[in-house]
Amino acid sequence: MTTMTIAPATCGFSADDLNRFAGRADAYDDHGVLTLDELNVRADYITDLHPNLAYAQGYTAYVKGAQLEQQFISGRTDTTTAGGYR
């Protein structure tokens, strides 16, 4: 019988990384049932009131990405400067 080393469940990610991923995942789930305006309101509340900064950063990052995507799809963003990138 051989001995096997079990990899940690976090796969080397820090606690802050995992909290950011959780925030993004929750925002993704919320995006399925909320409008972009409602997501913005929820992101503002989470930013102000959530005790975990990394979670709030992840949630807000997803919402900002969804906004940029919507602006790009609707033609309200110049494709050469979308998201501040050239």
Protein backbone atom coordinates (compact mmCIF):
# COMPACT_ATOMS: atom_id res chain seq x y z
CA MET A 1 0.00 0.00 0.00
CA THR A 2 1.31 3.44 -0.87
CA THR A 3 0.98 6.68 1.01
CA MET A 4 -0.69 9.54 -0.82
CA THR A 5 -0.32 13.21 -0.02
CA ILE A 6 -3.67 14.97 -0.05
CA ALA A 7 -3.65 18.42 -1.62
CA PRO A 8 -5.27 21.16 0.44
CA ALA A 9 -8.81 22.01 -0.63
CA THR A 10 -7.82 25.62 -1.32
CA CYS A 11 -5.37 24.60 -4.09
CA GLY A 12 -2.91 27.23 -2.88
CA PHE A 13 -5.30 30.19 -3.02
CA SER A 14 -5.30 32.64 -0.15
CA ALA A 15 -8.38 33.26 1.98
CA ASP A 16 -8.82 36.66 0.29
CA ASP A 17 -8.73 35.03 -3.15
CA LEU A 18 -11.37 32.53 -2.11
CA ASN A 19 -13.56 35.32 -0.71
CA ARG A 20 -13.21 37.28 -3.96
CA PHE A 21 -14.22 34.18 -5.93
CA ALA A 22 -17.23 33.75 -3.64
CA GLY A 23 -18.27 37.38 -4.20
CA ARG A 24 -18.00 37.01 -7.97
CA ALA A 25 -19.93 33.74 -7.88
CA ASP A 26 -22.74 35.29 -5.83
CA ALA A 27 -22.93 38.25 -8.21
CA TYR A 28 -23.07 35.84 -11.15
CA ASP A 29 -25.97 34.00 -9.51
CA ASP A 30 -27.75 37.27 -8.71
CA HIS A 31 -27.29 38.45 -12.31
CA GLY A 32 -29.62 35.66 -13.38
CA VAL A 33 -32.55 37.12 -11.44
CA LEU A 34 -31.75 40.84 -11.05
CA THR A 35 -31.40 43.66 -13.53
CA LEU A 36 -28.11 45.49 -13.89
CA ASP A 37 -29.50 48.46 -11.97
CA GLU A 38 -30.56 46.17 -9.11
CA LEU A 39 -27.11 44.56 -9.14
CA ASN A 40 -25.53 48.00 -8.82
CA VAL A 41 -27.67 48.83 -5.80
CA ARG A 42 -26.83 45.50 -4.18
CA ALA A 43 -23.12 45.99 -4.94
CA ASP A 44 -23.24 49.42 -3.28
CA TYR A 45 -24.83 47.94 -0.16
CA ILE A 46 -22.33 45.09 -0.05
CA THR A 47 -19.44 47.51 -0.49
CA ASP A 48 -20.67 49.65 2.40
CA LEU A 49 -21.94 46.99 4.80
CA HIS A 50 -20.30 43.61 4.17
CA PRO A 51 -17.66 42.78 6.79
CA ASN A 52 -15.41 41.01 4.27
CA LEU A 53 -13.60 43.44 1.97
CA ALA A 54 -12.39 40.76 -0.46
CA TYR A 55 -15.94 39.44 -0.92
CA ALA A 56 -17.18 42.97 -1.64
CA GLN A 57 -14.36 43.49 -4.15
CA GLY A 58 -15.26 40.30 -5.99
CA TYR A 59 -18.96 41.15 -6.10
CA THR A 60 -18.28 44.67 -7.36
CA ALA A 61 -15.74 43.45 -9.93
CA TYR A 62 -18.32 41.14 -11.48
CA VAL A 63 -20.95 43.90 -11.59
CA LYS A 64 -18.54 46.35 -13.24
CA GLY A 65 -17.60 43.70 -15.80
CA ALA A 66 -21.27 43.04 -16.56
CA GLN A 67 -21.79 46.80 -17.04
CA LEU A 68 -18.89 47.04 -19.47
CA GLU A 69 -20.18 44.03 -21.38
CA GLN A 70 -23.66 45.55 -21.62
CA GLN A 71 -22.25 48.88 -22.79
CA PHE A 72 -20.12 47.16 -25.40
CA ILE A 73 -23.01 45.04 -26.70
CA SER A 74 -25.35 48.03 -26.90
CA GLY A 75 -22.73 50.12 -28.72
CA ARG A 76 -22.39 52.72 -25.96
CA THR A 77 -18.67 52.07 -25.50
CA ASP A 78 -15.94 52.80 -28.00
CA THR A 79 -14.27 49.46 -28.80
CA THR A 80 -10.79 51.02 -28.74
CA THR A 81 -11.15 52.25 -25.16
CA ALA A 82 -13.57 49.75 -23.61
CA GLY A 83 -12.73 49.33 -19.96
CA GLY A 84 -9.90 51.82 -20.20
CA TYR A 85 -7.74 49.48 -22.32
CA ARG A 86 -6.39 50.14 -25.78
